[in-house]
């Protein structure tokens, strides 16, 4: 049953007419990104724990930057 070559070519030609040649690669990459995110949503809890462990330390880095910015800003005291 499935799609044969003439049907695939017809679908591709219709997509090319609708979206244009420059837009098709963008659609393909966004579709791939959506599929990757969908698969990540159904990944195991262990992978989610690993990802959250990698994100540690970002809070301390941002507070260091805040301290540096505060130290370099001019004081408005008389």
N, C-alpha and C. Protein backbone atom coordinates (compact mmCIF):
# COMPACT_ATOMS: atom_id res chain seq x y z
N UNK A 1 0.85 -1.18 0.00
CA UNK A 1 0.00 0.00 0.00
C UNK A 1 0.89 1.24 0.00
N UNK A 2 1.39 1.86 0.86
CA UNK A 2 2.36 2.93 0.98
C UNK A 2 2.42 3.93 -0.17
N UNK A 3 3.29 4.88 -0.03
CA UNK A 3 3.46 5.92 -1.04
C UNK A 3 4.48 5.46 -2.08
N UNK A 4 4.16 5.69 -3.32
CA UNK A 4 5.07 5.36 -4.40
C UNK A 4 5.75 6.65 -4.87
N UNK A 5 6.72 6.51 -5.74
CA UNK A 5 7.52 7.64 -6.21
C UNK A 5 6.68 8.76 -6.81
N UNK A 6 5.70 8.49 -7.68
CA UNK A 6 4.91 9.61 -8.22
C UNK A 6 4.14 10.40 -7.15
N UNK A 7 3.64 9.71 -6.13
CA UNK A 7 2.92 10.41 -5.06
C UNK A 7 3.87 11.27 -4.23
N UNK A 8 5.07 10.74 -3.96
CA UNK A 8 6.04 11.51 -3.20
C UNK A 8 6.47 12.76 -3.97
N UNK A 9 6.70 12.61 -5.26
CA UNK A 9 7.06 13.76 -6.09
C UNK A 9 5.95 14.79 -6.14
N UNK A 10 4.71 14.35 -6.21
CA UNK A 10 3.57 15.26 -6.22
C UNK A 10 3.47 16.04 -4.90
N UNK A 11 3.68 15.36 -3.79
CA UNK A 11 3.64 16.02 -2.49
C UNK A 11 4.79 17.04 -2.37
N UNK A 12 5.97 16.64 -2.82
CA UNK A 12 7.12 17.55 -2.77
C UNK A 12 6.90 18.78 -3.65
N UNK A 13 6.31 18.57 -4.83
CA UNK A 13 6.04 19.70 -5.73
C UNK A 13 5.02 20.65 -5.11
N UNK A 14 4.00 20.10 -4.46
CA UNK A 14 3.00 20.94 -3.81
C UNK A 14 3.63 21.75 -2.67
N UNK A 15 4.50 21.12 -1.88
CA UNK A 15 5.18 21.82 -0.80
C UNK A 15 6.09 22.92 -1.34
N UNK A 16 6.74 22.61 -2.44
CA UNK A 16 7.63 23.60 -3.05
C UNK A 16 6.84 24.81 -3.55
N UNK A 17 5.66 24.57 -4.12
CA UNK A 17 4.83 25.68 -4.58
C UNK A 17 4.25 26.49 -3.42
N UNK A 18 3.88 25.81 -2.35
CA UNK A 18 3.27 26.50 -1.22
C UNK A 18 4.28 27.33 -0.43
N UNK A 19 5.45 26.74 -0.14
CA UNK A 19 6.36 27.39 0.78
C UNK A 19 7.59 28.00 0.11
N UNK A 20 7.92 27.59 -1.09
CA UNK A 20 9.09 28.13 -1.77
C UNK A 20 10.36 27.37 -1.39
N UNK A 21 11.37 27.53 -2.20
CA UNK A 21 12.60 26.78 -2.01
C UNK A 21 13.41 27.20 -0.80
N UNK A 22 13.33 28.45 -0.42
CA UNK A 22 14.12 28.91 0.73
C UNK A 22 13.47 28.53 2.05
N UNK A 23 12.19 28.33 2.07
CA UNK A 23 11.48 28.04 3.31
C UNK A 23 11.48 26.55 3.66
N UNK A 24 11.64 25.68 2.67
CA UNK A 24 11.58 24.23 2.94
C UNK A 24 12.67 23.75 3.90
N UNK A 25 13.94 24.17 3.78
CA UNK A 25 14.94 23.73 4.77
C UNK A 25 14.61 24.19 6.19
N UNK A 26 14.05 25.38 6.32
CA UNK A 26 13.67 25.86 7.65
C UNK A 26 12.55 25.00 8.23
N UNK A 27 11.61 24.61 7.40
CA UNK A 27 10.53 23.74 7.87
C UNK A 27 11.07 22.38 8.29
N UNK A 28 12.02 21.86 7.53
CA UNK A 28 12.61 20.57 7.87
C UNK A 28 13.37 20.61 9.18
N UNK A 29 14.13 21.65 9.40
CA UNK A 29 14.89 21.75 10.64
C UNK A 29 13.96 21.96 11.84
N UNK A 30 12.91 22.74 11.68
CA UNK A 30 11.99 22.94 12.79
C UNK A 30 11.21 21.66 13.09
N UNK A 31 10.90 20.89 12.07
CA UNK A 31 10.24 19.60 12.29
C UNK A 31 11.17 18.65 13.03
N UNK A 32 12.44 18.60 12.63
CA UNK A 32 13.41 17.76 13.33
C UNK A 32 13.59 18.17 14.78
N UNK A 33 13.64 19.46 15.02
CA UNK A 33 13.77 19.97 16.39
C UNK A 33 12.54 19.60 17.23
N UNK A 34 11.38 19.70 16.64
CA UNK A 34 10.16 19.34 17.36
C UNK A 34 10.14 17.86 17.70
N UNK A 35 10.60 17.02 16.79
CA UNK A 35 10.65 15.58 17.06
C UNK A 35 11.65 15.26 18.17
N UNK A 36 12.82 15.92 18.15
CA UNK A 36 13.80 15.70 19.21
C UNK A 36 13.25 16.11 20.56
N UNK A 37 12.59 17.25 20.64
CA UNK A 37 12.01 17.70 21.90
C UNK A 37 10.90 16.77 22.36
N UNK A 38 10.14 16.24 21.43
CA UNK A 38 9.07 15.30 21.76
C UNK A 38 9.66 14.02 22.36
N UNK A 39 10.76 13.54 21.77
CA UNK A 39 11.40 12.33 22.29
C UNK A 39 12.01 12.59 23.66
N UNK A 40 12.57 13.78 23.86
CA UNK A 40 13.13 14.13 25.17
C UNK A 40 12.04 14.15 26.23
N UNK A 41 10.85 14.53 25.86
CA UNK A 41 9.75 14.58 26.81
C UNK A 41 9.38 13.21 27.34
N UNK A 42 9.64 12.19 26.57
CA UNK A 42 9.31 10.83 26.98
C UNK A 42 10.53 10.05 27.44
N UNK A 43 11.65 10.72 27.63
CA UNK A 43 12.87 10.04 28.07
C UNK A 43 12.71 9.60 29.53
N UNK A 44 13.61 8.75 29.96
CA UNK A 44 13.52 8.21 31.32
C UNK A 44 13.88 9.27 32.35
N UNK A 45 13.52 9.01 33.59
CA UNK A 45 13.79 9.96 34.67
C UNK A 45 15.28 10.08 34.95
N UNK A 46 16.06 9.03 34.68
CA UNK A 46 17.50 9.09 34.91
C UNK A 46 18.14 10.14 34.03
N UNK A 47 17.71 10.23 32.79
CA UNK A 47 18.28 11.23 31.89
C UNK A 47 17.91 12.63 32.34
N UNK A 48 16.73 12.80 32.89
CA UNK A 48 16.33 14.11 33.39
C UNK A 48 17.16 14.50 34.59
N UNK A 49 17.47 13.52 35.48
CA UNK A 49 18.30 13.80 36.64
C UNK A 49 19.71 14.18 36.21
N UNK A 50 20.25 13.52 35.20
CA UNK A 50 21.58 13.85 34.69
C UNK A 50 21.61 15.27 34.14
N UNK A 51 20.57 15.66 33.43
CA UNK A 51 20.52 17.00 32.85
C UNK A 51 20.42 18.05 33.95
N UNK A 52 19.69 17.77 35.03
CA UNK A 52 19.57 18.76 36.10
C UNK A 52 20.87 18.86 36.89
N UNK A 53 21.65 17.78 36.98
CA UNK A 53 22.94 17.84 37.65
C UNK A 53 23.93 18.70 36.89
N UNK A 54 23.84 18.72 35.57
CA UNK A 54 24.75 19.52 34.76
C UNK A 54 24.48 21.01 34.91
N UNK A 55 23.28 21.39 35.31
CA UNK A 55 22.91 22.79 35.40
C UNK A 55 23.29 23.42 36.73
N UNK A 56 23.87 22.67 37.66
CA UNK A 56 24.24 23.24 38.94
C UNK A 56 25.40 24.20 38.76
N UNK A 57 25.47 25.19 39.59
CA UNK A 57 26.54 26.15 39.52
C UNK A 57 26.18 27.41 38.76
N UNK A 58 25.07 27.45 38.10
CA UNK A 58 24.73 28.64 37.34
C UNK A 58 24.32 29.77 38.27
N UNK A 59 23.73 29.46 39.41
CA UNK A 59 23.30 30.49 40.34
C UNK A 59 24.52 31.19 40.95
N UNK A 60 25.51 30.42 41.34
CA UNK A 60 26.70 31.04 41.93
C UNK A 60 27.44 31.89 40.91
N UNK A 61 27.44 31.46 39.65
CA UNK A 61 28.12 32.24 38.62
C UNK A 61 27.41 33.57 38.40
N UNK A 62 26.09 33.57 38.47
CA UNK A 62 25.37 34.82 38.25
C UNK A 62 25.54 35.78 39.42
N UNK A 63 25.66 35.26 40.64
CA UNK A 63 25.86 36.17 41.78
C UNK A 63 27.25 36.78 41.75
N UNK A 64 28.24 36.04 41.25
CA UNK A 64 29.58 36.60 41.11
C UNK A 64 29.57 37.74 40.11
N UNK A 65 28.86 37.57 39.02
CA UNK A 65 28.76 38.63 38.02
C UNK A 65 28.06 39.84 38.61
N UNK A 66 27.02 39.62 39.38
CA UNK A 66 26.31 40.73 40.01
C UNK A 66 27.23 41.49 40.96
N UNK A 67 28.08 40.78 41.70
CA UNK A 67 29.01 41.45 42.61
C UNK A 67 30.03 42.27 41.84
N UNK A 68 30.52 41.73 40.72
CA UNK A 68 31.49 42.46 39.90
C UNK A 68 30.87 43.73 39.33
N UNK A 69 29.64 43.64 38.87
CA UNK A 69 28.98 44.80 38.30
C UNK A 69 28.74 45.85 39.38
N UNK A 70 28.34 45.42 40.57
CA UNK A 70 28.11 46.36 41.66
C UNK A 70 29.41 47.04 42.06
N UNK A 71 30.52 46.32 42.04
CA UNK A 71 31.81 46.90 42.43
C UNK A 71 32.29 47.92 41.41
N UNK A 72 31.97 47.73 40.14
CA UNK A 72 32.46 48.63 39.09
C UNK A 72 31.54 49.82 38.89
N UNK A 73 30.31 49.77 39.38
CA UNK A 73 29.39 50.88 39.15
C UNK A 73 29.77 52.05 40.07
N UNK A 74 29.65 53.26 39.55
CA UNK A 74 30.03 54.43 40.36
C UNK A 74 29.05 54.64 41.51
N UNK A 75 29.57 55.11 42.59
CA UNK A 75 28.75 55.37 43.77
C UNK A 75 28.20 56.80 43.67
N UNK A 76 26.96 56.96 44.08
CA UNK A 76 26.32 58.27 44.02
C UNK A 76 26.21 58.91 45.40
N UNK A 77 27.04 58.43 46.33
CA UNK A 77 27.00 59.00 47.67
C UNK A 77 27.88 60.26 47.73
N UNK A 78 27.44 61.26 48.53
CA UNK A 78 28.19 62.53 48.61
C UNK A 78 29.27 62.49 49.63
